[in-house]
């Protein structure tokens, strides 16, 4: 993933390449400032069947800059938990002083049980 800054705007490009190839590509054709973000590992479990999708607006109270986040969290996490985890942290160059929940919705996901592949005999 390449995060590119052009003036006051930040853009994200998903490049299906390794770190060195992504950097070579960015060096060759991308204007402005950029950084290469790489996967550092995996954690967690893929056994989740229910979750809540959150869409938030984060605002820096001093500069009035805003950014938006959308992510999934366990049903056990409340808006208070989410706000506590984000307050004071910086995302897309915006320090999260004020956090506003724009949308929150429960989702159910299909089980990873492959014993029933949905086909009929």
PDB file of N, CA and C in Angstrom:
ATOM      1  N   UNK A   1       0.845  -1.157   0.000  1.00  0.00           N
ATOM      2  CA  UNK A   1       0.000   0.000   0.000  1.00  0.00           C
ATOM      3  C   UNK A   1       0.902   1.236   0.000  1.00  0.00           C
ATOM      4  N   UNK A   2       0.532   2.202  -0.791  1.00  0.00           N
ATOM      5  CA  UNK A   2       1.297   3.445  -0.856  1.00  0.00           C
ATOM      6  C   UNK A   2       0.382   4.584  -0.415  1.00  0.00           C
ATOM      7  N   UNK A   3       0.831   5.344   0.575  1.00  0.00           N
ATOM      8  CA  UNK A   3       0.091   6.528   1.006  1.00  0.00           C
ATOM      9  C   UNK A   3       0.846   7.732   0.462  1.00  0.00           C
ATOM     10  N   UNK A   4       0.155   8.516  -0.352  1.00  0.00           N
ATOM     11  CA  UNK A   4       0.773   9.614  -1.088  1.00  0.00           C
ATOM     12  C   UNK A   4       0.155  10.930  -0.643  1.00  0.00           C
ATOM     13  N   UNK A   5       0.999  11.930  -0.371  1.00  0.00           N
ATOM     14  CA  UNK A   5       0.524  13.253   0.029  1.00  0.00           C
ATOM     15  C   UNK A   5       0.812  14.239  -1.095  1.00  0.00           C
ATOM     16  N   UNK A   6      -0.258  14.868  -1.576  1.00  0.00           N
ATOM     17  CA  UNK A   6      -0.160  15.896  -2.607  1.00  0.00           C
ATOM     18  C   UNK A   6      -0.812  17.157  -2.055  1.00  0.00           C
ATOM     19  N   UNK A   7      -0.002  18.139  -1.696  1.00  0.00           N
ATOM     20  CA  UNK A   7      -0.532  19.341  -1.063  1.00  0.00           C
ATOM     21  C   UNK A   7      -1.135  18.981   0.281  1.00  0.00           C
ATOM     22  N   UNK A   8      -2.391  19.330   0.494  1.00  0.00           N
ATOM     23  CA  UNK A   8      -3.057  19.028   1.761  1.00  0.00           C
ATOM     24  C   UNK A   8      -3.872  17.746   1.700  1.00  0.00           C
ATOM     25  N   UNK A   9      -3.843  17.055   0.576  1.00  0.00           N
ATOM     26  CA  UNK A   9      -4.630  15.828   0.395  1.00  0.00           C
ATOM     27  C   UNK A   9      -3.739  14.590   0.519  1.00  0.00           C
ATOM     28  N   UNK A  10      -4.317  13.524   1.068  1.00  0.00           N
ATOM     29  CA  UNK A  10      -3.621  12.250   1.172  1.00  0.00           C
ATOM     30  C   UNK A  10      -4.423  11.205   0.420  1.00  0.00           C
ATOM     31  N   UNK A  11      -3.725  10.396  -0.388  1.00  0.00           N
ATOM     32  CA  UNK A  11      -4.354   9.361  -1.197  1.00  0.00           C
ATOM     33  C   UNK A  11      -3.715   8.019  -0.866  1.00  0.00           C
ATOM     34  N   UNK A  12      -4.492   6.965  -0.980  1.00  0.00           N
ATOM     35  CA  UNK A  12      -3.990   5.619  -0.734  1.00  0.00           C
ATOM     36  C   UNK A  12      -4.150   4.792  -1.993  1.00  0.00           C
ATOM     37  N   UNK A  13      -3.068   4.118  -2.380  1.00  0.00           N
ATOM     38  CA  UNK A  13      -3.087   3.225  -3.537  1.00  0.00           C
ATOM     39  C   UNK A  13      -2.706   1.833  -3.071  1.00  0.00           C
ATOM     40  N   UNK A  14      -3.495   0.855  -3.457  1.00  0.00           N
ATOM     41  CA  UNK A  14      -3.185  -0.532  -3.131  1.00  0.00           C
ATOM     42  C   UNK A  14      -2.458  -1.134  -4.319  1.00  0.00           C
ATOM     43  N   UNK A  15      -1.202  -1.453  -4.102  1.00  0.00           N
ATOM     44  CA  UNK A  15      -0.338  -1.951  -5.173  1.00  0.00           C
ATOM     45  C   UNK A  15       0.011  -3.401  -4.849  1.00  0.00           C
ATOM     46  N   UNK A  16      -0.396  -4.343  -5.690  1.00  0.00           N
ATOM     47  CA  UNK A  16      -0.112  -5.759  -5.419  1.00  0.00           C
ATOM     48  C   UNK A  16       1.327  -6.109  -5.750  1.00  0.00           C
ATOM     49  N   UNK A  17       2.240  -5.647  -4.896  1.00  0.00           N
ATOM     50  CA  UNK A  17       3.671  -5.868  -5.132  1.00  0.00           C
ATOM     51  C   UNK A  17       4.388  -5.905  -3.794  1.00  0.00           C
ATOM     52  N   UNK A  18       5.598  -6.421  -3.802  1.00  0.00           N
ATOM     53  CA  UNK A  18       6.425  -6.407  -2.613  1.00  0.00           C
ATOM     54  C   UNK A  18       6.925  -5.000  -2.327  1.00  0.00           C
ATOM     55  N   UNK A  19       7.532  -4.828  -1.170  1.00  0.00           N
ATOM     56  CA  UNK A  19       8.009  -3.505  -0.736  1.00  0.00           C
ATOM     57  C   UNK A  19       8.946  -2.855  -1.746  1.00  0.00           C
ATOM     58  N   UNK A  20       9.944  -3.608  -2.209  1.00  0.00           N
ATOM     59  CA  UNK A  20      10.939  -3.039  -3.124  1.00  0.00           C
ATOM     60  C   UNK A  20      10.320  -2.629  -4.456  1.00  0.00           C
ATOM     61  N   UNK A  21       9.435  -3.473  -4.988  1.00  0.00           N
ATOM     62  CA  UNK A  21       8.788  -3.141  -6.258  1.00  0.00           C
ATOM     63  C   UNK A  21       7.840  -1.960  -6.105  1.00  0.00           C
ATOM     64  N   UNK A  22       7.115  -1.901  -4.991  1.00  0.00           N
ATOM     65  CA  UNK A  22       6.214  -0.773  -4.749  1.00  0.00           C
ATOM     66  C   UNK A  22       7.007   0.530  -4.637  1.00  0.00           C
ATOM     67  N   UNK A  23       8.153   0.487  -3.946  1.00  0.00           N
ATOM     68  CA  UNK A  23       8.986   1.681  -3.816  1.00  0.00           C
ATOM     69  C   UNK A  23       9.566   2.098  -5.163  1.00  0.00           C
ATOM     70  N   UNK A  24      10.033   1.130  -5.953  1.00  0.00           N
ATOM     71  CA  UNK A  24      10.577   1.441  -7.276  1.00  0.00           C
ATOM     72  C   UNK A  24       9.510   2.083  -8.156  1.00  0.00           C
ATOM     73  N   UNK A  25       8.297   1.563  -8.095  1.00  0.00           N
ATOM     74  CA  UNK A  25       7.183   2.133  -8.849  1.00  0.00           C
ATOM     75  C   UNK A  25       6.913   3.572  -8.394  1.00  0.00           C
ATOM     76  N   UNK A  26       6.816   3.778  -7.088  1.00  0.00           N
ATOM     77  CA  UNK A  26       6.545   5.113  -6.558  1.00  0.00           C
ATOM     78  C   UNK A  26       7.657   6.096  -6.915  1.00  0.00           C
ATOM     79  N   UNK A  27       8.908   5.646  -6.793  1.00  0.00           N
ATOM     80  CA  UNK A  27      10.051   6.510  -7.141  1.00  0.00           C
ATOM     81  C   UNK A  27       9.983   6.943  -8.608  1.00  0.00           C
ATOM     82  N   UNK A  28       9.528   6.032  -9.469  1.00  0.00           N
ATOM     83  CA  UNK A  28       9.526   6.300 -10.908  1.00  0.00           C
ATOM     84  C   UNK A  28       8.392   7.208 -11.358  1.00  0.00           C
ATOM     85  N   UNK A  29       7.221   7.120 -10.723  1.00  0.00           N
ATOM     86  CA  UNK A  29       6.073   7.832 -11.306  1.00  0.00           C
ATOM     87  C   UNK A  29       5.231   8.680 -10.352  1.00  0.00           C
ATOM     88  N   UNK A  30       5.444   8.607  -9.050  1.00  0.00           N
ATOM     89  CA  UNK A  30       4.540   9.313  -8.135  1.00  0.00           C
ATOM     90  C   UNK A  30       5.109  10.656  -7.680  1.00  0.00           C
ATOM     91  N   UNK A  31       4.357  11.728  -7.886  1.00  0.00           N
ATOM     92  CA  UNK A  31       4.789  13.027  -7.392  1.00  0.00           C
ATOM     93  C   UNK A  31       4.446  13.179  -5.911  1.00  0.00           C
ATOM     94  N   UNK A  32       4.950  14.227  -5.300  1.00  0.00           N
ATOM     95  CA  UNK A  32       4.633  14.517  -3.903  1.00  0.00           C
ATOM     96  C   UNK A  32       5.381  13.596  -2.955  1.00  0.00           C
ATOM     97  N   UNK A  33       4.952  13.625  -1.698  1.00  0.00           N
ATOM     98  CA  UNK A  33       5.537  12.769  -0.678  1.00  0.00           C
ATOM     99  C   UNK A  33       4.764  11.465  -0.638  1.00  0.00           C
ATOM    100  N   UNK A  34       5.446  10.381  -0.330  1.00  0.00           N
ATOM    101  CA  UNK A  34       4.741   9.107  -0.215  1.00  0.00           C
ATOM    102  C   UNK A  34       5.482   8.209   0.755  1.00  0.00           C
ATOM    103  N   UNK A  35       4.750   7.229   1.258  1.00  0.00           N
ATOM    104  CA  UNK A  35       5.351   6.203   2.097  1.00  0.00           C
ATOM    105  C   UNK A  35       4.782   4.857   1.696  1.00  0.00           C
ATOM    106  N   UNK A  36       5.618   3.831   1.820  1.00  0.00           N
ATOM    107  CA  UNK A  36       5.229   2.468   1.489  1.00  0.00           C
ATOM    108  C   UNK A  36       4.838   1.786   2.802  1.00  0.00           C
ATOM    109  N   UNK A  37       3.629   1.271   2.858  1.00  0.00           N
ATOM    110  CA  UNK A  37       3.151   0.577   4.050  1.00  0.00           C
ATOM    111  C   UNK A  37       3.067  -0.909   3.729  1.00  0.00           C
ATOM    112  N   UNK A  38       3.646  -1.712   4.587  1.00  0.00           N
ATOM    113  CA  UNK A  38       3.737  -3.144   4.308  1.00  0.00           C
ATOM    114  C   UNK A  38       3.087  -3.958   5.412  1.00  0.00           C
ATOM    115  N   UNK A  39       2.619  -5.121   5.053  1.00  0.00           N
ATOM    116  CA  UNK A  39       2.052  -6.073   6.001  1.00  0.00           C
ATOM    117  C   UNK A  39       3.171  -6.573   6.900  1.00  0.00           C
ATOM    118  N   UNK A  40       2.964  -6.527   8.202  1.00  0.00           N
ATOM    119  CA  UNK A  40       3.998  -6.957   9.132  1.00  0.00           C
ATOM    120  C   UNK A  40       3.668  -8.287   9.796  1.00  0.00           C
ATOM    121  N   UNK A  41       2.487  -8.823   9.547  1.00  0.00           N
ATOM    122  CA  UNK A  41       2.120 -10.100  10.134  1.00  0.00           C
ATOM    123  C   UNK A  41       0.621 -10.250  10.194  1.00  0.00           C
ATOM    124  N   UNK A  42       0.207 -11.368  10.720  1.00  0.00           N
ATOM    125  CA  UNK A  42      -1.214 -11.643  10.866  1.00  0.00           C
ATOM    126  C   UNK A  42      -1.511 -11.992  12.305  1.00  0.00           C
ATOM    127  N   UNK A  43      -2.717 -11.647  12.739  1.00  0.00           N
ATOM    128  CA  UNK A  43      -3.151 -12.035  14.074  1.00  0.00           C
ATOM    129  C   UNK A  43      -4.663 -12.127  14.061  1.00  0.00           C
ATOM    130  N   UNK A  44      -5.218 -12.663  15.115  1.00  0.00           N
ATOM    131  CA  UNK A  44      -6.660 -12.782  15.206  1.00  0.00           C
ATOM    132  C   UNK A  44      -7.141 -14.118  14.705  1.00  0.00           C
ATOM    133  N   UNK A  45      -8.430 -14.196  14.487  1.00  0.00           N
ATOM    134  CA  UNK A  45      -9.066 -15.447  14.089  1.00  0.00           C
ATOM    135  C   UNK A  45     -10.081 -15.165  13.007  1.00  0.00           C
ATOM    136  N   UNK A  46     -10.257 -16.100  12.090  1.00  0.00           N
ATOM    137  CA  UNK A  46     -11.251 -15.922  11.044  1.00  0.00           C
ATOM    138  C   UNK A  46     -12.553 -16.633  11.384  1.00  0.00           C
ATOM    139  N   UNK A  47     -12.748 -16.960  12.659  1.00  0.00           N
ATOM    140  CA  UNK A  47     -13.944 -17.688  13.069  1.00  0.00           C
ATOM    141  C   UNK A  47     -15.088 -16.766  13.476  1.00  0.00           C
ATOM    142  N   UNK A  48     -14.990 -15.485  13.195  1.00  0.00           N
ATOM    143  CA  UNK A  48     -16.028 -14.525  13.556  1.00  0.00           C
ATOM    144  C   UNK A  48     -17.271 -14.751  12.705  1.00  0.00           C
ATOM    145  N   UNK A  49     -18.423 -14.819  13.341  1.00  0.00           N
ATOM    146  CA  UNK A  49     -19.673 -14.973  12.597  1.00  0.00           C
ATOM    147  C   UNK A  49     -20.573 -13.760  12.752  1.00  0.00           C
ATOM    148  N   UNK A  50     -20.312 -12.929  13.779  1.00  0.00           N
ATOM    149  CA  UNK A  50     -21.067 -11.686  13.980  1.00  0.00           C
ATOM    150  C   UNK A  50     -20.098 -10.579  14.349  1.00  0.00           C
ATOM    151  N   UNK A  51     -20.394  -9.388  13.881  1.00  0.00           N
ATOM    152  CA  UNK A  51     -19.552  -8.243  14.175  1.00  0.00           C
ATOM    153  C   UNK A  51     -20.373  -6.975  13.969  1.00  0.00           C
ATOM    154  N   UNK A  52     -19.789  -5.856  14.349  1.00  0.00           N
ATOM    155  CA  UNK A  52     -20.441  -4.566  14.140  1.00  0.00           C
ATOM    156  C   UNK A  52     -19.527  -3.716  13.274  1.00  0.00           C
ATOM    157  N   UNK A  53     -20.089  -3.140  12.217  1.00  0.00           N
ATOM    158  CA  UNK A  53     -19.336  -2.252  11.339  1.00  0.00           C
ATOM    159  C   UNK A  53     -19.547  -0.821  11.815  1.00  0.00           C
ATOM    160  N   UNK A  54     -18.451  -0.129  12.068  1.00  0.00           N
ATOM    161  CA  UNK A  54     -18.473   1.249  12.555  1.00  0.00           C
ATOM    162  C   UNK A  54     -17.957   2.181  11.464  1.00  0.00           C
ATOM    163  N   UNK A  55     -18.599   3.315  11.311  1.00  0.00           N
ATOM    164  CA  UNK A  55     -18.092   4.400  10.477  1.00  0.00           C
ATOM    165  C   UNK A  55     -18.017   5.626  11.379  1.00  0.00           C
ATOM    166  N   UNK A  56     -16.822   6.192  11.470  1.00  0.00           N
ATOM    167  CA  UNK A  56     -16.565   7.295  12.392  1.00  0.00           C
ATOM    168  C   UNK A  56     -15.952   8.487  11.681  1.00  0.00           C
ATOM    169  N   UNK A  57     -16.195   9.663  12.235  1.00  0.00           N
ATOM    170  CA  UNK A  57     -15.509  10.867  11.810  1.00  0.00           C
ATOM    171  C   UNK A  57     -14.594  11.275  12.964  1.00  0.00           C
ATOM    172  N   UNK A  58     -13.319  11.473  12.657  1.00  0.00           N
ATOM    173  CA  UNK A  58     -12.351  11.919  13.655  1.00  0.00           C
ATOM    174  C   UNK A  58     -11.981  13.359  13.335  1.00  0.00           C
ATOM    175  N   UNK A  59     -11.923  14.202  14.372  1.00  0.00           N
ATOM    176  CA  UNK A  59     -11.605  15.614  14.145  1.00  0.00           C
ATOM    177  C   UNK A  59     -10.550  16.076  15.128  1.00  0.00           C
ATOM    178  N   UNK A  60      -9.610  16.868  14.619  1.00  0.00           N
ATOM    179  CA  UNK A  60      -8.631  17.541  15.460  1.00  0.00           C
ATOM    180  C   UNK A  60      -9.259  18.861  15.875  1.00  0.00           C
ATOM    181  N   UNK A  61      -9.441  19.058  17.166  1.00  0.00           N
ATOM    182  CA  UNK A  61     -10.132  20.252  17.650  1.00  0.00           C
ATOM    183  C   UNK A  61      -9.341  21.539  17.426  1.00  0.00           C
ATOM    184  N   UNK A  62      -8.021  21.431  17.330  1.00  0.00           N
ATOM    185  CA  UNK A  62      -7.189  22.620  17.137  1.00  0.00           C
ATOM    186  C   UNK A  62      -7.159  23.071  15.679  1.00  0.00           C
ATOM    187  N   UNK A  63      -6.946  22.115  14.763  1.00  0.00           N
ATOM    188  CA  UNK A  63      -6.809  22.454  13.343  1.00  0.00           C
ATOM    189  C   UNK A  63      -8.112  22.321  12.556  1.00  0.00           C
ATOM    190  N   UNK A  64      -9.100  21.663  13.161  1.00  0.00           N
ATOM    191  CA  UNK A  64     -10.411  21.392  12.534  1.00  0.00           C
ATOM    192  C   UNK A  64     -10.302  20.439  11.334  1.00  0.00           C
ATOM    193  N   UNK A  65      -9.169  19.750  11.200  1.00  0.00           N
ATOM    194  CA  UNK A  65      -9.043  18.740  10.149  1.00  0.00           C
ATOM    195  C   UNK A  65      -9.866  17.524  10.535  1.00  0.00           C
ATOM    196  N   UNK A  66     -10.351  16.803   9.509  1.00  0.00           N
ATOM    197  CA  UNK A  66     -11.168  15.617   9.735  1.00  0.00           C
ATOM    198  C   UNK A  66     -10.646  14.465   8.908  1.00  0.00           C
ATOM    199  N   UNK A  67     -10.944  13.268   9.377  1.00  0.00           N
ATOM    200  CA  UNK A  67     -10.730  12.056   8.599  1.00  0.00           C
ATOM    201  C   UNK A  67     -11.812  11.072   9.002  1.00  0.00           C
ATOM    202  N   UNK A  68     -11.961  10.026   8.211  1.00  0.00           N
ATOM    203  CA  UNK A  68     -13.028   9.055   8.447  1.00  0.00           C
ATOM    204  C   UNK A  68     -12.437   7.653   8.526  1.00  0.00           C
ATOM    205  N   UNK A  69     -12.993   6.833   9.402  1.00  0.00           N
ATOM    206  CA  UNK A  69     -12.584   5.441   9.544  1.00  0.00           C
ATOM    207  C   UNK A  69     -13.809   4.541   9.448  1.00  0.00           C
ATOM    208  N   UNK A  70     -13.646   3.424   8.777  1.00  0.00           N
ATOM    209  CA  UNK A  70     -14.667   2.377   8.738  1.00  0.00           C
ATOM    210  C   UNK A  70     -13.970   1.069   9.046  1.00  0.00           C
ATOM    211  N   UNK A  71     -14.517   0.307   9.986  1.00  0.00           N
ATOM    212  CA  UNK A  71     -13.906  -0.949  10.407  1.00  0.00           C
ATOM    213  C   UNK A  71     -14.941  -1.825  11.095  1.00  0.00           C
ATOM    214  N   UNK A  72     -14.582  -3.091  11.287  1.00  0.00           N
ATOM    215  CA  UNK A  72     -15.415  -4.038  12.019  1.00  0.00           C
ATOM    216  C   UNK A  72     -14.828  -4.245  13.406  1.00  0.00           C
ATOM    217  N   UNK A  73     -15.694  -4.371  14.411  1.00  0.00           N
ATOM    218  CA  UNK A  73     -15.273  -4.648  15.781  1.00  0.00           C
ATOM    219  C   UNK A  73     -16.240  -5.669  16.384  1.00  0.00           C
ATOM    220  N   UNK A  74     -15.801  -6.372  17.422  1.00  0.00           N
ATOM    221  CA  UNK A  74     -16.693  -7.344  18.062  1.00  0.00           C
ATOM    222  C   UNK A  74     -17.957  -6.681  18.605  1.00  0.00           C
ATOM    223  N   UNK A  75     -19.028  -7.454  18.684  1.00  0.00           N
ATOM    224  CA  UNK A  75     -20.284  -6.927  19.221  1.00  0.00           C
ATOM    225  C   UNK A  75     -20.133  -6.467  20.663  1.00  0.00           C
ATOM    226  N   UNK A  76     -19.166  -7.015  21.365  1.00  0.00           N
ATOM    227  CA  UNK A  76     -18.963  -6.663  22.774  1.00  0.00           C
ATOM    228  C   UNK A  76     -18.386  -5.256  22.958  1.00  0.00           C
ATOM    229  N   UNK A  77     -17.881  -4.643  21.888  1.00  0.00           N
ATOM    230  CA  UNK A  77     -17.285  -3.302  21.986  1.00  0.00           C
ATOM    231  C   UNK A  77     -18.358  -2.232  21.821  1.00  0.00           C
ATOM    232  N   UNK A  78     -18.396  -1.310  22.769  1.00  0.00           N
ATOM    233  CA  UNK A  78     -19.368  -0.217  22.742  1.00  0.00           C
ATOM    234  C   UNK A  78     -18.743   1.021  22.107  1.00  0.00           C
ATOM    235  N   UNK A  79     -19.566   2.025  21.847  1.00  0.00           N
ATOM    236  CA  UNK A  79     -19.027   3.278  21.301  1.00  0.00           C
ATOM    237  C   UNK A  79     -18.028   3.892  22.283  1.00  0.00           C
ATOM    238  N   UNK A  80     -18.251   3.711  23.583  1.00  0.00           N
ATOM    239  CA  UNK A  80     -17.307   4.216  24.586  1.00  0.00           C
ATOM    240  C   UNK A  80     -15.946   3.519  24.428  1.00  0.00           C
ATOM    241  N   UNK A  81     -15.957   2.187  24.240  1.00  0.00           N
ATOM    242  CA  UNK A  81     -14.710   1.434  24.029  1.00  0.00           C
ATOM    243  C   UNK A  81     -13.968   1.931  22.795  1.00  0.00           C
ATOM    244  N   UNK A  82     -14.722   2.134  21.712  1.00  0.00           N
ATOM    245  CA  UNK A  82     -14.134   2.579  20.452  1.00  0.00           C
ATOM    246  C   UNK A  82     -13.513   3.966  20.627  1.00  0.00           C
ATOM    247  N   UNK A  83     -14.252   4.879  21.231  1.00  0.00           N
ATOM    248  CA  UNK A  83     -13.743   6.243  21.427  1.00  0.00           C
ATOM    249  C   UNK A  83     -12.506   6.255  22.311  1.00  0.00           C
ATOM    250  N   UNK A  84     -12.510   5.456  23.376  1.00  0.00           N
ATOM    251  CA  UNK A  84     -11.343   5.395  24.261  1.00  0.00           C
ATOM    252  C   UNK A  84     -10.110   4.868  23.513  1.00  0.00           C
ATOM    253  N   UNK A  85     -10.311   3.903  22.623  1.00  0.00           N
ATOM    254  CA  UNK A  85      -9.195   3.323  21.874  1.00  0.00           C
ATOM    255  C   UNK A  85      -8.609   4.301  20.858  1.00  0.00           C
ATOM    256  N   UNK A  86      -9.425   5.234  20.355  1.00  0.00           N
ATOM    257  CA  UNK A  86      -8.985   6.135  19.287  1.00  0.00           C
ATOM    258  C   UNK A  86      -8.551   7.522  19.768  1.00  0.00           C
ATOM    259  N   UNK A  87      -9.105   7.996  20.869  1.00  0.00           N
ATOM    260  CA  UNK A  87      -8.836   9.358  21.333  1.00  0.00           C
ATOM    261  C   UNK A  87      -7.344   9.592  21.538  1.00  0.00           C
ATOM    262  N   UNK A  88      -6.859  10.677  20.948  1.00  0.00           N
ATOM    263  CA  UNK A  88      -5.459  11.064  21.077  1.00  0.00           C
ATOM    264  C   UNK A  88      -4.534  10.427  20.060  1.00  0.00           C
ATOM    265  N   UNK A  89      -5.021   9.443  19.316  1.00  0.00           N
ATOM    266  CA  UNK A  89      -4.211   8.790  18.292  1.00  0.00           C
ATOM    267  C   UNK A  89      -4.329   9.579  16.983  1.00  0.00           C
ATOM    268  N   UNK A  90      -3.368   9.397  16.079  1.00  0.00           N
ATOM    269  CA  UNK A  90      -3.352  10.108  14.807  1.00  0.00           C
ATOM    270  C   UNK A  90      -3.616   9.148  13.661  1.00  0.00           C
ATOM    271  N   UNK A  91      -4.591   9.485  12.814  1.00  0.00           N
ATOM    272  CA  UNK A  91      -4.962   8.703  11.643  1.00  0.00           C
ATOM    273  C   UNK A  91      -5.001   9.643  10.449  1.00  0.00           C
ATOM    274  N   UNK A  92      -4.345   9.255   9.357  1.00  0.00           N
ATOM    275  CA  UNK A  92      -4.278  10.088   8.154  1.00  0.00           C
ATOM    276  C   UNK A  92      -3.835  11.515   8.486  1.00  0.00           C
ATOM    277  N   UNK A  93      -2.934  11.642   9.439  1.00  0.00           N
ATOM    278  CA  UNK A  93      -2.407  12.951   9.818  1.00  0.00           C
ATOM    279  C   UNK A  93      -3.324  13.778  10.690  1.00  0.00           C
ATOM    280  N   UNK A  94      -4.425  13.196  11.172  1.00  0.00           N
ATOM    281  CA  UNK A  94      -5.391  13.919  11.997  1.00  0.00           C
ATOM    282  C   UNK A  94      -5.409  13.319  13.400  1.00  0.00           C
ATOM    283  N   UNK A  95      -5.088  14.129  14.400  1.00  0.00           N
ATOM    284  CA  UNK A  95      -5.154  13.671  15.785  1.00  0.00           C
ATOM    285  C   UNK A  95      -6.621  13.616  16.190  1.00  0.00           C
ATOM    286  N   UNK A  96      -7.052  12.479  16.714  1.00  0.00           N
ATOM    287  CA  UNK A  96      -8.461  12.261  17.068  1.00  0.00           C
ATOM    288  C   UNK A  96      -8.765  12.853  18.432  1.00  0.00           C
ATOM    289  N   UNK A  97      -9.218  14.120  18.427  1.00  0.00           N
ATOM    290  CA  UNK A  97      -9.667  14.766  19.661  1.00  0.00           C
ATOM    291  C   UNK A  97     -11.160  14.538  19.865  1.00  0.00           C
ATOM    292  N   UNK A  98     -11.923  14.675  18.794  1.00  0.00           N
ATOM    293  CA  UNK A  98     -13.372  14.450  18.829  1.00  0.00           C
ATOM    294  C   UNK A  98     -13.689  13.299  17.886  1.00  0.00           C
ATOM    295  N   UNK A  99     -14.497  12.368  18.366  1.00  0.00           N
ATOM    296  CA  UNK A  99     -14.875  11.201  17.569  1.00  0.00           C
ATOM    297  C   UNK A  99     -16.396  11.136  17.510  1.00  0.00           C
ATOM    298  N   UNK A 100     -16.916  11.114  16.293  1.00  0.00           N
ATOM    299  CA  UNK A 100     -18.363  11.078  16.082  1.00  0.00           C
ATOM    300  C   UNK A 100     -18.716   9.779  15.367  1.00  0.00           C
ATOM    301  N   UNK A 101     -19.649   9.026  15.935  1.00  0.00           N
ATOM    302  CA  UNK A 101     -20.132   7.807  15.294  1.00  0.00           C
ATOM    303  C   UNK A 101     -21.150   8.211  14.227  1.00  0.00           C
ATOM    304  N   UNK A 102     -20.823   7.931  12.973  1.00  0.00           N
ATOM    305  CA  UNK A 102     -21.727   8.255  11.874  1.00  0.00           C
ATOM    306  C   UNK A 102     -22.674   7.102  11.574  1.00  0.00           C
ATOM    307  N   UNK A 103     -22.174   5.869  11.790  1.00  0.00           N
ATOM    308  CA  UNK A 103     -22.994   4.708  11.467  1.00  0.00           C
ATOM    309  C   UNK A 103     -22.461   3.507  12.243  1.00  0.00           C
ATOM    310  N   UNK A 104     -23.365   2.682  12.698  1.00  0.00           N
ATOM    311  CA  UNK A 104     -22.999   1.452  13.377  1.00  0.00           C
ATOM    312  C   UNK A 104     -24.063   0.418  13.047  1.00  0.00           C
ATOM    313  N   UNK A 105     -23.629  -0.723  12.513  1.00  0.00           N
ATOM    314  CA  UNK A 105     -24.591  -1.740  12.090  1.00  0.00           C
ATOM    315  C   UNK A 105     -24.050  -3.138  12.359  1.00  0.00           C
ATOM    316  N   UNK A 106     -24.912  -4.003  12.837  1.00  0.00           N
ATOM    317  CA  UNK A 106     -24.547  -5.392  13.108  1.00  0.00           C
ATOM    318  C   UNK A 106     -24.553  -6.177  11.798  1.00  0.00           C
ATOM    319  N   UNK A 107     -23.518  -7.021  11.634  1.00  0.00           N
ATOM    320  CA  UNK A 107     -23.405  -7.881  10.453  1.00  0.00           C
ATOM    321  C   UNK A 107     -23.250  -9.323  10.896  1.00  0.00           C
ATOM    322  N   UNK A 108     -23.804 -10.231  10.106  1.00  0.00           N
ATOM    323  CA  UNK A 108     -23.592 -11.655  10.322  1.00  0.00           C
ATOM    324  C   UNK A 108     -22.851 -12.193   9.111  1.00  0.00           C
ATOM    325  N   UNK A 109     -21.864 -13.047   9.374  1.00  0.00           N
ATOM    326  CA  UNK A 109     -21.042 -13.611   8.312  1.00  0.00           C
ATOM    327  C   UNK A 109     -21.286 -15.105   8.230  1.00  0.00           C
ATOM    328  N   UNK A 110     -21.084 -15.650   7.056  1.00  0.00           N
ATOM    329  CA  UNK A 110     -21.243 -17.086   6.866  1.00  0.00           C
ATOM    330  C   UNK A 110     -20.191 -17.829   7.673  1.00  0.00           C
ATOM    331  N   UNK A 111     -20.539 -18.979   8.128  1.00  0.00           N
ATOM    332  CA  UNK A 111     -19.622 -19.835   8.868  1.00  0.00           C
ATOM    333  C   UNK A 111     -18.531 -20.341   7.935  1.00  0.00           C
ATOM    334  N   UNK A 112     -17.382 -20.659   8.501  1.00  0.00           N
ATOM    335  CA  UNK A 112     -16.286 -21.235   7.724  1.00  0.00           C
ATOM    336  C   UNK A 112     -16.438 -22.729   7.536  1.00  0.00           C
ATOM    337  N   UNK A 113     -17.542 -23.294   7.982  1.00  0.00           N
ATOM    338  CA  UNK A 113     -17.789 -24.730   7.866  1.00  0.00           C
ATOM    339  C   UNK A 113     -17.952 -25.091   6.409  1.00  0.00           C
ATOM    340  N   UNK A 114     -17.028 -25.858   5.866  1.00  0.00           N
ATOM    341  CA  UNK A 114     -17.074 -26.197   4.445  1.00  0.00           C
ATOM    342  C   UNK A 114     -17.750 -27.545   4.197  1.00  0.00           C
ATOM    343  N   UNK A 115     -18.371 -28.131   5.236  1.00  0.00           N
ATOM    344  CA  UNK A 115     -19.012 -29.435   5.049  1.00  0.00           C
ATOM    345  C   UNK A 115     -20.226 -29.342   4.152  1.00  0.00           C
ATOM    346  N   UNK A 116     -20.835 -28.152   4.070  1.00  0.00           N
ATOM    347  CA  UNK A 116     -21.964 -27.942   3.175  1.00  0.00           C
ATOM    348  C   UNK A 116     -21.545 -26.903   2.147  1.00  0.00           C
ATOM    349  N   UNK A 117     -21.231 -27.344   0.953  1.00  0.00           N
ATOM    350  CA  UNK A 117     -20.744 -26.411  -0.059  1.00  0.00           C
ATOM    351  C   UNK A 117     -21.870 -25.773  -0.862  1.00  0.00           C
ATOM    352  N   UNK A 118     -23.100 -26.029  -0.469  1.00  0.00           N
ATOM    353  CA  UNK A 118     -24.235 -25.391  -1.136  1.00  0.00           C
ATOM    354  C   UNK A 118     -24.685 -26.073  -2.396  1.00  0.00           C
ATOM    355  N   UNK A 119     -23.997 -27.131  -2.834  1.00  0.00           N
ATOM    356  CA  UNK A 119     -24.401 -27.815  -4.054  1.00  0.00           C
ATOM    357  C   UNK A 119     -25.392 -28.913  -3.723  1.00  0.00           C
ATOM    358  N   UNK A 120     -26.177 -29.285  -4.692  1.00  0.00           N
ATOM    359  CA  UNK A 120     -27.144 -30.366  -4.487  1.00  0.00           C
ATOM    360  C   UNK A 120     -26.774 -31.550  -5.350  1.00  0.00           C
ATOM    361  N   UNK A 121     -27.161 -32.733  -4.880  1.00  0.00           N
ATOM    362  CA  UNK A 121     -26.827 -33.963  -5.609  1.00  0.00           C
ATOM    363  C   UNK A 121     -27.905 -34.325  -6.586  1.00  0.00           C
TER     364      UNK A 121
END
